[in-house]
Amino acid sequence: MNYALELPKLALYIHYPWCVKKCPYCDFNSHQGNQQSGYIATLLKDLDEDLDYVQGRPIQSIFLGGGTPSLMSEQALFELFSGLKTRLKFADDIEITLETNPGTFEVEKFKAFKRIGINRLSIGVQSFDDKQLKSLGRIHDASEAIDACKQAKQAGFKRFNIDIMYGLVNQTLEGCLADVNQAMNLNPEHISFYQLTIEPNTYFAKFPPVLPKDDDIWQMGNEGVNLLEKNGYMRYEVSAFGRVPSKHNLNYWQFGDYMGIGAGAHGKITCLNEPYSFRTTKAHSPKDYLKDRQKQVKPIENLSFDFMLNALRLRHGFDLTLFALRTGQSIQTIKHQLNKAQALGLLELNDKRIQPSEKGFDFLNDLQAIFL
C-alpha cells in the first residue's frame, strides 16, 4: 500500500567555495583564493532557476557553507540577502547560519553580518591545541579560536556552534577531553564533535599522518560524548550536540527538502506532481559554475533506503508516520530489514517509533547497510 507524499519543510544551502588556505584533511569543494567577480549575481540566477521547487513554502533555515563564507564582504552579503528576500518568504523564526574560520573573525564585520539577518555562527575551531592546529593546516591558533568565540558574543550572536575534531595526529585522551572542556567553557549553544577521517583526494590521503590507535580513538569519542552529555549538550545526531538543536541539521536528517545553490551545491526536493523525489547538483568548479551552472537532476531511486540512511543518524530515531510522509510507502515495505536489525540488537522499535539501539548507534554503518 502506498501513501500520499507530504511536502516537508524547506531549507536553503548556499555554497561559497573559496578559503584562505586549503586544509590537508578537507575534501569539501573549497579552493584557495579570492571570490571571483559575479559570484553573488550567479547565485541569484541559480536560485531563479530553482524557484519552482519552493512550491509555496517559506524557508525555515539557511546555511552558508564553504570554503569560508565569512570571507565575504558586508556588501556582498547585503546584495545576496536583498536578492533572497525578494525571491523567497522567510519563516518568522528562520535560522540563518554562517560558517566562519577563527582566523577571519573581525568583530565589526560580524556585527554587520548580524544586522543583515544572520543569527547563528558555526565556528571551525577543530582544536584548542596549537600543535594540533598546525598539523591540521589551520590558519588560526588557540588564542585566536578562544577570542573568536568571545567576539561572536560581543557581536551579538547568542547562537553559535563550535566544531571540534578528535583522533588527531598523535592525540591523547587527555588532549581530546581538554579540547571538549575548553569548548564548553566558552558556553556555545551547540558543539559538533567528530572524528578526523582520511578522505580520498586530500593531502592526508597522499601523505597519511600518524593517528592514534583505533581503540584509543574509540575511547576519545566515547568519553567525549559522555562529557558533553553530562554538561547538558544533548546528542541528537551522530556528531551534533546541542542545548538547542540546529533546525538546518534536523531538516537534513528528518529527510526534509533543501535547495542548494553555489558551486558544487546539492539539493533534495519532494515533487508532488511527479512520481519521484529528486536530488540536484550544480557545477563543481567555481569557473564552470560561473560560466554555466550545469544543473543535474537525478530521481531518488530508493526512497526508503535514502530515508533510513538519514533518519538513523538521529539518536532518538523517528516516528513511524514520518516514514510514510517522506517516502509515500508503508513501513511494512521494510519490515524484513527492521526485524533483521532488531534481531541483531541494532534497532529498537515499537508501534510508534524506530530508533537505533546503543549498539546500533556505535555500529551505524552496519545498521544502515541492512536497508540498502
Protein backbone atom coordinates (compact mmCIF):
# COMPACT_ATOMS: atom_id res chain seq x y z
CA MET A 1 0.00 0.00 0.00
CA ASN A 2 1.33 3.43 -0.93
CA TYR A 3 0.66 6.68 0.90
CA ALA A 4 0.49 10.27 -0.30
CA LEU A 5 3.75 12.15 -0.01
CA GLU A 6 3.68 15.29 2.11
CA LEU A 7 5.68 18.40 1.26
CA PRO A 8 8.23 18.71 4.09
CA LYS A 9 9.75 21.91 5.40
CA LEU A 10 12.15 23.68 3.04
CA ALA A 11 15.69 24.93 3.72
CA LEU A 12 18.36 26.60 1.60
CA TYR A 13 22.06 25.75 1.38
CA ILE A 14 24.42 28.31 -0.17
CA HIS A 15 27.97 27.26 -1.06
CA TYR A 16 30.91 29.67 -1.04
CA PRO A 17 33.90 27.77 -2.48
CA TRP A 18 36.88 29.97 -1.54
CA CYS A 19 39.11 29.89 1.52
CA VAL A 20 42.40 31.41 2.70
CA LYS A 21 44.16 28.03 2.72
CA LYS A 22 43.12 24.51 1.81
CA CYS A 23 43.40 22.21 4.85
CA PRO A 24 45.16 18.84 4.30
CA TYR A 25 42.17 16.81 5.57
CA CYS A 26 39.47 18.75 3.66
CA ASP A 27 37.55 17.02 0.87
CA PHE A 28 34.91 19.75 0.55
CA ASN A 29 34.57 21.81 -2.60
CA SER A 30 36.93 24.55 -1.42
CA HIS A 31 39.60 26.43 -3.35
CA GLN A 32 42.38 28.63 -2.08
CA GLY A 33 41.96 32.17 -3.38
CA ASN A 34 39.60 35.12 -3.54
CA GLN A 35 35.97 35.39 -4.59
CA GLN A 36 35.63 35.73 -8.33
CA SER A 37 33.66 38.57 -9.89
CA GLY A 38 29.99 37.91 -10.48
CA TYR A 39 29.53 35.13 -7.92
CA ILE A 40 26.67 36.77 -5.99
CA ALA A 41 24.80 37.58 -9.21
CA THR A 42 25.30 33.97 -10.35
CA LEU A 43 23.96 32.63 -7.04
CA LEU A 44 20.77 34.62 -7.55
CA LYS A 45 20.43 33.42 -11.17
CA ASP A 46 20.90 29.90 -9.86
CA LEU A 47 18.11 30.43 -7.34
CA ASP A 48 15.82 31.88 -10.03
CA GLU A 49 16.14 28.60 -11.94
CA ASP A 50 15.15 26.62 -8.83
CA LEU A 51 12.18 28.71 -7.67
CA ASP A 52 9.66 26.12 -8.89
CA TYR A 53 10.98 23.87 -6.10
CA VAL A 54 9.65 26.24 -3.46
CA GLN A 55 6.04 25.12 -4.05
CA GLY A 56 4.62 27.83 -1.82
CA ARG A 57 6.77 27.07 1.23
CA PRO A 58 8.60 29.55 3.46
CA ILE A 59 12.31 28.98 4.05
CA GLN A 60 12.87 27.57 7.55
CA SER A 61 16.66 27.73 7.63
CA ILE A 62 19.61 28.91 5.55
CA PHE A 63 23.17 27.64 5.86
CA LEU A 64 26.11 29.39 4.21
CA GLY A 65 28.93 26.86 3.98
CA GLY A 66 32.23 26.55 2.21
CA GLY A 67 35.05 27.21 1.90
CA THR A 68 34.97 30.14 4.24
CA PRO A 69 31.85 32.22 3.56
CA SER A 70 32.82 34.66 6.33
CA LEU A 71 35.39 35.98 3.85
CA MET A 72 32.51 37.64 2.00
CA SER A 73 32.30 41.39 2.38
CA GLU A 74 29.41 43.13 4.09
CA GLN A 75 28.36 44.50 0.70
CA ALA A 76 28.39 41.04 -0.93
CA LEU A 77 26.23 39.57 1.82
CA PHE A 78 23.88 42.54 1.72
CA GLU A 79 23.46 42.07 -2.04
CA LEU A 80 22.88 38.34 -1.57
CA PHE A 81 20.26 38.68 1.17
CA SER A 82 18.48 41.51 -0.57
CA GLY A 83 18.12 39.19 -3.55
CA LEU A 84 16.99 36.26 -1.39
CA LYS A 85 14.30 38.29 0.35
CA THR A 86 12.79 39.47 -2.93
CA ARG A 87 12.51 35.88 -4.15
CA LEU A 88 11.69 33.86 -1.04
CA LYS A 89 9.47 34.07 2.02
CA PHE A 90 11.46 33.69 5.24
CA ALA A 91 9.79 31.94 8.19
CA ASP A 92 9.33 34.25 11.19
CA ASP A 93 11.70 32.12 13.26
CA ILE A 94 14.18 31.37 10.46
CA GLU A 95 17.65 30.11 11.44
CA ILE A 96 20.44 31.60 9.30
CA THR A 97 23.91 30.14 9.89
CA LEU A 98 27.25 31.36 8.56
CA GLU A 99 30.35 29.17 8.70
CA THR A 100 33.40 31.07 9.86
CA ASN A 101 37.10 30.49 10.46
CA PRO A 102 38.57 31.99 13.66
CA GLY A 103 41.43 33.37 11.59
CA THR A 104 39.00 35.58 9.63
CA PHE A 105 36.97 36.95 12.55
CA GLU A 106 36.55 40.73 12.73
CA VAL A 107 34.03 41.89 15.31
CA GLU A 108 32.81 44.97 13.42
CA LYS A 109 32.35 42.95 10.23
CA PHE A 110 30.36 40.33 12.11
CA LYS A 111 28.16 42.97 13.73
CA ALA A 112 27.29 43.99 10.17
CA PHE A 113 26.52 40.34 9.31
CA LYS A 114 24.16 40.25 12.28
CA ARG A 115 22.37 43.38 11.03
CA ILE A 116 21.93 41.74 7.61
CA GLY A 117 19.99 38.92 9.25
CA ILE A 118 22.50 36.16 10.05
CA ASN A 119 21.57 34.91 13.53
CA ARG A 120 23.83 31.89 14.07
CA LEU A 121 27.53 31.15 13.53
CA SER A 122 29.38 27.87 13.06
CA ILE A 123 32.98 28.42 14.13
CA GLY A 124 35.53 25.95 12.72
CA VAL A 125 37.86 25.67 15.72
CA GLN A 126 38.79 21.94 15.36
CA SER A 127 41.19 22.07 18.35
CA PHE A 128 42.46 24.41 21.06
CA ASP A 129 45.95 22.87 20.89
CA ASP A 130 48.43 24.89 18.81
CA LYS A 131 50.39 21.79 17.74
CA GLN A 132 47.21 20.10 16.54
CA LEU A 133 46.08 23.22 14.70
CA LYS A 134 49.42 23.38 12.91
CA SER A 135 49.23 19.70 11.91
CA LEU A 136 45.69 20.31 10.59
CA GLY A 137 46.89 23.23 8.47
CA ARG A 138 44.60 25.73 10.20
CA ILE A 139 45.40 29.42 9.83
CA HIS A 140 44.46 30.27 13.45
CA ASP A 141 45.98 29.44 16.80
CA ALA A 142 44.28 28.53 20.08
CA SER A 143 44.15 32.09 21.42
CA GLU A 144 42.51 33.30 18.19
CA ALA A 145 39.94 30.49 18.45
CA ILE A 146 39.03 31.45 22.00
CA ASP A 147 38.93 35.12 21.07
CA ALA A 148 36.68 34.45 18.05
CA CYS A 149 34.11 32.69 20.25
CA LYS A 150 34.14 35.56 22.74
CA GLN A 151 33.87 38.11 19.93
CA ALA A 152 30.90 36.22 18.49
CA LYS A 153 29.02 37.08 21.69
CA GLN A 154 30.32 40.65 21.57
CA ALA A 155 28.97 40.95 18.02
CA GLY A 156 25.53 39.96 19.30
CA PHE A 157 25.41 36.26 18.37
CA LYS A 158 23.63 34.40 21.16
CA ARG A 159 23.59 31.27 19.00
CA PHE A 160 26.81 29.69 17.79
CA ASN A 161 28.34 26.28 17.19
CA ILE A 162 31.93 25.19 17.82
CA ASP A 163 33.43 22.44 15.64
CA ILE A 164 35.82 20.09 17.49
CA MET A 165 37.63 17.10 15.96
CA TYR A 166 39.19 14.11 17.73
CA GLY A 167 41.50 11.28 16.73
CA LEU A 168 44.05 13.87 15.64
CA VAL A 169 47.76 13.40 14.93
CA ASN A 170 49.34 11.68 17.97
CA GLN A 171 46.46 12.96 20.10
CA THR A 172 45.98 11.64 23.64
CA LEU A 173 42.73 11.11 25.52
CA GLU A 174 43.71 13.96 27.84
CA GLY A 175 44.25 16.27 24.86
CA CYS A 176 40.89 15.36 23.38
CA LEU A 177 38.98 15.99 26.62
CA ALA A 178 40.86 19.26 27.17
CA ASP A 179 39.51 20.45 23.80
CA VAL A 180 35.97 19.46 24.77
CA ASN A 181 36.24 21.19 28.15
CA GLN A 182 37.59 24.37 26.57
CA ALA A 183 34.74 24.38 24.04
CA MET A 184 32.14 24.00 26.81
CA ASN A 185 33.80 26.75 28.88
CA LEU A 186 33.02 29.16 26.02
CA ASN A 187 29.34 28.32 26.52
CA PRO A 188 28.18 27.78 22.92
CA GLU A 189 24.63 26.69 22.25
CA HIS A 190 25.86 23.82 20.08
CA ILE A 191 29.00 21.70 19.65
CA SER A 192 29.88 19.46 16.69
CA PHE A 193 32.26 16.71 17.88
CA TYR A 194 33.50 14.34 15.21
CA GLN A 195 36.41 12.10 14.28
CA LEU A 196 39.13 13.11 11.84
CA THR A 197 38.83 10.81 8.83
CA ILE A 198 41.27 10.47 5.97
CA GLU A 199 39.30 11.17 2.80
CA PRO A 200 40.37 10.30 -0.77
CA ASN A 201 41.92 13.05 -2.90
CA THR A 202 43.22 15.02 0.08
CA TYR A 203 46.79 15.83 1.11
CA PHE A 204 46.43 13.50 4.10
CA ALA A 205 45.39 10.68 1.76
CA LYS A 206 48.66 11.09 -0.17
CA PHE A 207 50.77 11.67 2.92
CA PRO A 208 48.98 9.92 5.81
CA PRO A 209 49.69 11.36 9.27
CA VAL A 210 50.30 9.19 12.32
CA LEU A 211 46.94 8.86 14.04
CA PRO A 212 46.14 7.21 17.39
CA LYS A 213 45.24 3.52 17.54
CA ASP A 214 41.63 2.65 16.75
CA ASP A 215 40.90 1.62 20.36
CA ASP A 216 42.27 4.94 21.61
CA ILE A 217 40.19 6.90 19.09
CA TRP A 218 37.09 4.96 20.17
CA GLN A 219 37.80 5.87 23.80
CA MET A 220 38.21 9.54 22.88
CA GLY A 221 34.86 9.53 21.12
CA ASN A 222 33.09 7.67 23.90
CA GLU A 223 34.45 9.77 26.76
CA GLY A 224 33.99 12.99 24.79
CA VAL A 225 30.33 12.15 24.20
CA ASN A 226 29.82 11.32 27.90
CA LEU A 227 31.43 14.60 28.95
CA LEU A 228 29.25 16.64 26.59
CA GLU A 229 26.03 14.93 27.66
CA LYS A 230 26.95 15.25 31.34
CA ASN A 231 27.17 19.01 30.81
CA GLY A 232 23.80 19.43 29.11
CA TYR A 233 24.74 19.05 25.44
CA MET A 234 22.12 16.65 24.11
CA ARG A 235 23.38 14.28 21.43
CA TYR A 236 20.58 14.48 18.90
CA GLU A 237 22.62 13.26 15.91
CA VAL A 238 25.83 11.26 15.48
CA SER A 239 28.19 14.23 15.79
CA ALA A 240 25.80 17.03 16.85
CA PHE A 241 25.31 18.09 20.47
CA GLY A 242 23.01 20.95 21.33
CA ARG A 243 21.26 22.65 24.17
CA VAL A 244 19.08 23.67 21.25
CA PRO A 245 19.36 21.52 18.08
CA SER A 246 20.10 23.19 14.77
CA LYS A 247 16.99 23.44 12.60
CA HIS A 248 19.10 23.06 9.47
CA ASN A 249 20.76 19.88 10.75
CA LEU A 250 17.45 18.37 11.80
CA ASN A 251 15.92 19.10 8.42
CA TYR A 252 18.64 17.05 6.69
CA TRP A 253 18.30 14.03 8.97
CA GLN A 254 14.49 14.11 9.01
CA PHE A 255 14.60 13.89 5.21
CA GLY A 256 13.26 17.38 4.68
CA ASP A 257 13.74 19.37 1.47
CA TYR A 258 16.51 21.82 0.73
CA MET A 259 17.55 23.81 -2.28
CA GLY A 260 21.29 24.03 -2.97
CA ILE A 261 22.83 26.97 -4.82
CA GLY A 262 26.51 27.66 -5.46
CA ALA A 263 29.44 25.77 -6.95
CA GLY A 264 29.01 22.05 -6.26
CA ALA A 265 25.89 22.60 -4.12
CA HIS A 266 23.44 19.73 -3.64
CA GLY A 267 19.70 19.88 -3.11
CA LYS A 268 16.90 17.42 -2.33
CA ILE A 269 13.32 18.13 -3.40
CA THR A 270 9.99 16.36 -2.95
CA CYS A 271 7.80 16.70 -6.02
CA LEU A 272 4.09 16.05 -5.59
CA ASN A 273 3.32 16.46 -9.30
CA GLU A 274 5.76 13.78 -10.44
CA PRO A 275 6.19 10.14 -9.42
CA TYR A 276 9.54 10.78 -7.71
CA SER A 277 11.61 12.93 -5.41
CA PHE A 278 14.99 14.03 -6.74
CA ARG A 279 18.40 15.47 -5.94
CA THR A 280 20.09 18.36 -7.70
CA THR A 281 23.79 19.08 -8.20
CA LYS A 282 25.43 22.21 -9.57
CA ALA A 283 28.73 22.50 -11.50
CA HIS A 284 31.60 21.72 -9.15
CA SER A 285 34.38 24.11 -10.11
CA PRO A 286 33.78 27.83 -9.48
CA LYS A 287 34.95 28.61 -13.02
CA ASP A 288 32.43 26.22 -14.58
CA TYR A 289 29.70 27.35 -12.21
CA LEU A 290 30.17 31.00 -13.15
CA LYS A 291 30.11 30.10 -16.84
CA ASP A 292 27.26 27.58 -16.83
CA ARG A 293 25.68 26.12 -13.70
CA GLN A 294 25.09 22.78 -15.47
CA LYS A 295 22.41 21.60 -13.05
CA GLN A 296 21.95 17.84 -12.84
CA VAL A 297 18.67 16.39 -11.63
CA LYS A 298 18.52 12.73 -10.59
CA PRO A 299 15.50 10.86 -9.21
CA ILE A 300 15.99 9.19 -5.84
CA GLU A 301 15.64 5.57 -6.87
CA ASN A 302 15.37 4.03 -3.42
CA LEU A 303 13.45 6.44 -1.20
CA SER A 304 13.15 4.04 1.73
CA PHE A 305 16.93 3.48 1.86
CA ASP A 306 17.69 7.18 1.46
CA PHE A 307 15.27 7.97 4.27
CA MET A 308 16.78 5.37 6.60
CA LEU A 309 20.33 6.42 5.72
CA ASN A 310 19.49 9.88 7.07
CA ALA A 311 16.96 9.25 9.83
CA LEU A 312 19.01 6.55 11.55
CA ARG A 313 21.62 9.20 12.32
CA LEU A 314 19.15 10.71 14.80
CA ARG A 315 19.80 9.47 18.33
CA HIS A 316 16.11 9.17 19.14
CA GLY A 317 15.10 7.97 15.70
CA PHE A 318 11.76 8.90 14.16
CA ASP A 319 8.01 8.43 14.37
CA LEU A 320 6.63 5.72 12.08
CA THR A 321 4.33 8.26 10.42
CA LEU A 322 7.36 10.25 9.21
CA PHE A 323 8.49 7.32 7.05
CA ALA A 324 5.17 7.28 5.16
CA LEU A 325 5.06 11.07 4.79
CA ARG A 326 8.59 11.26 3.35
CA THR A 327 8.59 8.14 1.16
CA GLY A 328 4.92 7.56 0.29
CA GLN A 329 5.39 3.94 1.39
CA SER A 330 4.11 1.79 4.23
CA ILE A 331 6.61 0.84 6.92
CA GLN A 332 5.71 -2.74 6.01
CA THR A 333 7.85 -2.42 2.88
CA ILE A 334 10.97 -2.59 5.08
CA LYS A 335 9.57 -4.94 7.75
CA HIS A 336 12.08 -7.67 6.91
CA GLN A 337 15.05 -5.32 7.32
CA LEU A 338 13.61 -3.89 10.55
CA ASN A 339 13.23 -7.38 12.01
CA LYS A 340 16.78 -8.28 10.99
CA ALA A 341 18.22 -5.11 12.56
CA GLN A 342 16.22 -5.72 15.73
CA ALA A 343 17.38 -9.35 15.92
CA LEU A 344 20.99 -8.17 15.70
CA GLY A 345 20.39 -5.75 18.55
CA LEU A 346 20.97 -2.71 16.36
CA LEU A 347 17.45 -1.27 16.44
CA GLU A 348 14.65 -0.58 18.90
CA LEU A 349 11.11 -0.37 17.57
CA ASN A 350 7.52 -0.34 18.72
CA ASP A 351 4.21 0.56 17.11
CA LYS A 352 5.04 4.30 17.20
CA ARG A 353 8.79 4.81 16.92
CA ILE A 354 12.03 3.44 15.49
CA GLN A 355 15.45 4.33 16.85
CA PRO A 356 19.00 2.93 16.86
CA SER A 357 19.96 0.99 19.98
CA GLU A 358 23.16 1.89 21.83
CA LYS A 359 24.90 -0.83 19.83
CA GLY A 360 23.27 0.36 16.59
CA PHE A 361 24.49 3.88 17.15
CA ASP A 362 28.04 2.59 17.73
CA PHE A 363 27.85 0.47 14.55
CA LEU A 364 25.76 2.83 12.45
CA ASN A 365 27.27 1.82 9.10
CA ASP A 366 26.29 -1.80 9.73
CA LEU A 367 22.77 -0.74 10.68
CA GLN A 368 22.32 1.49 7.62
CA ALA A 369 23.65 -1.20 5.27
CA ILE A 370 20.79 -3.53 6.23
CA PHE A 371 18.36 -1.22 4.41
CA LEU A 372 20.33 -0.98 1.15
